Amino acid sequence: MTETTNPKLSDSIKKLGYAHNSHIRLYGELLQLVSDPIVEGEKIVFVEGMELKSRRVKRLRIPLPVVMMAQRSLRTSNAR
């Protein structure tokens, strides 16, 4: 599922490293992302990732500071 209600926010979060096929550490777990960011609200963004150890796929919320950083980036680029 890659639906998004805010494609610009999704793109901004992808630029921060939360894009499909990226490897990240989130909440103490090493993950390979199997989806792009899924925006469900102004500050609610999820990503689906596969745990590298167990190969289990789960949906995790992207930390709010990351979402806020992406929103600030959008506001800055729109102000130019």
C-alpha atoms as a PDB file:
ATOM      1  CA  MET A   1       0.000   0.000   0.000  1.00  0.00           C
ATOM      2  CA  THR A   2       1.567   3.276  -1.074  1.00  0.00           C
ATOM      3  CA  GLU A   3      -1.386   5.649  -0.998  1.00  0.00           C
ATOM      4  CA  THR A   4      -0.678   9.097   0.340  1.00  0.00           C
ATOM      5  CA  THR A   5      -2.810  12.116   1.119  1.00  0.00           C
ATOM      6  CA  ASN A   6       0.151  14.478   0.789  1.00  0.00           C
ATOM      7  CA  PRO A   7       2.582  13.507  -1.992  1.00  0.00           C
ATOM      8  CA  LYS A   8       4.867  16.496  -1.326  1.00  0.00           C
ATOM      9  CA  LEU A   9       5.337  15.472   2.310  1.00  0.00           C
ATOM     10  CA  SER A  10       5.938  11.885   1.233  1.00  0.00           C
ATOM     11  CA  ASP A  11       8.610  13.013  -1.247  1.00  0.00           C
ATOM     12  CA  SER A  12      10.272  15.192   1.387  1.00  0.00           C
ATOM     13  CA  ILE A  13      10.431  12.257   3.834  1.00  0.00           C
ATOM     14  CA  LYS A  14      11.876  10.022   1.107  1.00  0.00           C
ATOM     15  CA  LYS A  15      14.714  12.535   0.672  1.00  0.00           C
ATOM     16  CA  LEU A  16      15.488  12.070   4.375  1.00  0.00           C
ATOM     17  CA  GLY A  17      16.192   8.379   3.766  1.00  0.00           C
ATOM     18  CA  TYR A  18      12.777   6.773   4.300  1.00  0.00           C
ATOM     19  CA  ALA A  19      12.291   5.505   0.727  1.00  0.00           C
ATOM     20  CA  HIS A  20      11.418   2.039  -0.581  1.00  0.00           C
ATOM     21  CA  ASN A  21      14.393  -0.383  -0.418  1.00  0.00           C
ATOM     22  CA  SER A  22      16.361   1.809   2.025  1.00  0.00           C
ATOM     23  CA  HIS A  23      17.975   0.199   5.059  1.00  0.00           C
ATOM     24  CA  ILE A  24      17.353   2.060   8.304  1.00  0.00           C
ATOM     25  CA  ARG A  25      17.504   1.609  12.053  1.00  0.00           C
ATOM     26  CA  LEU A  26      14.191   2.592  13.605  1.00  0.00           C
ATOM     27  CA  TYR A  27      13.176   2.003  17.210  1.00  0.00           C
ATOM     28  CA  GLY A  28      16.275  -0.148  17.726  1.00  0.00           C
ATOM     29  CA  GLU A  29      15.553  -2.482  14.809  1.00  0.00           C
ATOM     30  CA  LEU A  30      17.355  -2.856  11.499  1.00  0.00           C
ATOM     31  CA  LEU A  31      14.827  -2.699   8.664  1.00  0.00           C
ATOM     32  CA  GLN A  32      14.641  -2.784   4.911  1.00  0.00           C
ATOM     33  CA  LEU A  33      11.795  -0.533   3.829  1.00  0.00           C
ATOM     34  CA  VAL A  34       9.247  -2.254   1.615  1.00  0.00           C
ATOM     35  CA  SER A  35       7.093   0.829   1.029  1.00  0.00           C
ATOM     36  CA  ASP A  36       7.423   4.538   0.550  1.00  0.00           C
ATOM     37  CA  PRO A  37       6.069   6.774   3.333  1.00  0.00           C
ATOM     38  CA  ILE A  38       2.306   6.519   3.831  1.00  0.00           C
ATOM     39  CA  VAL A  39       0.876   9.879   4.946  1.00  0.00           C
ATOM     40  CA  GLU A  40      -2.329   9.459   6.935  1.00  0.00           C
ATOM     41  CA  GLY A  41      -2.493  12.892   8.516  1.00  0.00           C
ATOM     42  CA  GLU A  42      -0.579  16.125   8.917  1.00  0.00           C
ATOM     43  CA  LYS A  43       1.775  14.555  11.452  1.00  0.00           C
ATOM     44  CA  ILE A  44       0.983  10.856  11.066  1.00  0.00           C
ATOM     45  CA  VAL A  45       3.242   9.043   8.620  1.00  0.00           C
ATOM     46  CA  PHE A  46       3.930   5.317   8.455  1.00  0.00           C
ATOM     47  CA  VAL A  47       6.358   3.145   6.566  1.00  0.00           C
ATOM     48  CA  GLU A  48       6.358  -0.610   6.102  1.00  0.00           C
ATOM     49  CA  GLY A  49       9.624  -2.358   6.800  1.00  0.00           C
ATOM     50  CA  MET A  50      10.966  -5.876   6.944  1.00  0.00           C
ATOM     51  CA  GLU A  51      13.043  -6.765   9.999  1.00  0.00           C
ATOM     52  CA  LEU A  52      16.384  -8.004   8.734  1.00  0.00           C
ATOM     53  CA  LYS A  53      16.691 -10.702  11.421  1.00  0.00           C
ATOM     54  CA  SER A  54      13.213 -12.240  11.357  1.00  0.00           C
ATOM     55  CA  ARG A  55      12.161 -11.178   7.811  1.00  0.00           C
ATOM     56  CA  ARG A  56       8.823 -10.117   9.333  1.00  0.00           C
ATOM     57  CA  VAL A  57       7.077  -7.121   7.734  1.00  0.00           C
ATOM     58  CA  LYS A  58       5.557  -4.517  10.018  1.00  0.00           C
ATOM     59  CA  ARG A  59       4.148  -1.014   9.778  1.00  0.00           C
ATOM     60  CA  LEU A  60       5.991   1.584  11.842  1.00  0.00           C
ATOM     61  CA  ARG A  61       5.266   5.220  12.488  1.00  0.00           C
ATOM     62  CA  ILE A  62       7.991   7.584  11.327  1.00  0.00           C
ATOM     63  CA  PRO A  63       9.212   9.598  14.333  1.00  0.00           C
ATOM     64  CA  LEU A  64       7.530  12.996  14.693  1.00  0.00           C
ATOM     65  CA  PRO A  65      10.840  14.956  14.610  1.00  0.00           C
ATOM     66  CA  VAL A  66      11.535  13.476  11.149  1.00  0.00           C
ATOM     67  CA  VAL A  67       8.053  14.445   9.934  1.00  0.00           C
ATOM     68  CA  MET A  68       8.489  17.964  11.355  1.00  0.00           C
ATOM     69  CA  MET A  69      11.888  18.289   9.628  1.00  0.00           C
ATOM     70  CA  ALA A  70      10.299  17.299   6.312  1.00  0.00           C
ATOM     71  CA  GLN A  71       7.477  19.811   6.812  1.00  0.00           C
ATOM     72  CA  ARG A  72       9.986  22.591   7.574  1.00  0.00           C
ATOM     73  CA  SER A  73      11.886  21.687   4.422  1.00  0.00           C
ATOM     74  CA  LEU A  74       8.680  22.006   2.401  1.00  0.00           C
ATOM     75  CA  ARG A  75       7.845  25.395   3.915  1.00  0.00           C
ATOM     76  CA  THR A  76      11.369  26.649   3.186  1.00  0.00           C
ATOM     77  CA  SER A  77      11.277  25.490  -0.423  1.00  0.00           C
ATOM     78  CA  ASN A  78       7.794  26.998  -0.928  1.00  0.00           C
ATOM     79  CA  ALA A  79       8.960  30.357   0.467  1.00  0.00           C
ATOM     80  CA  ARG A  80      11.629  30.729  -2.214  1.00  0.00           C
END
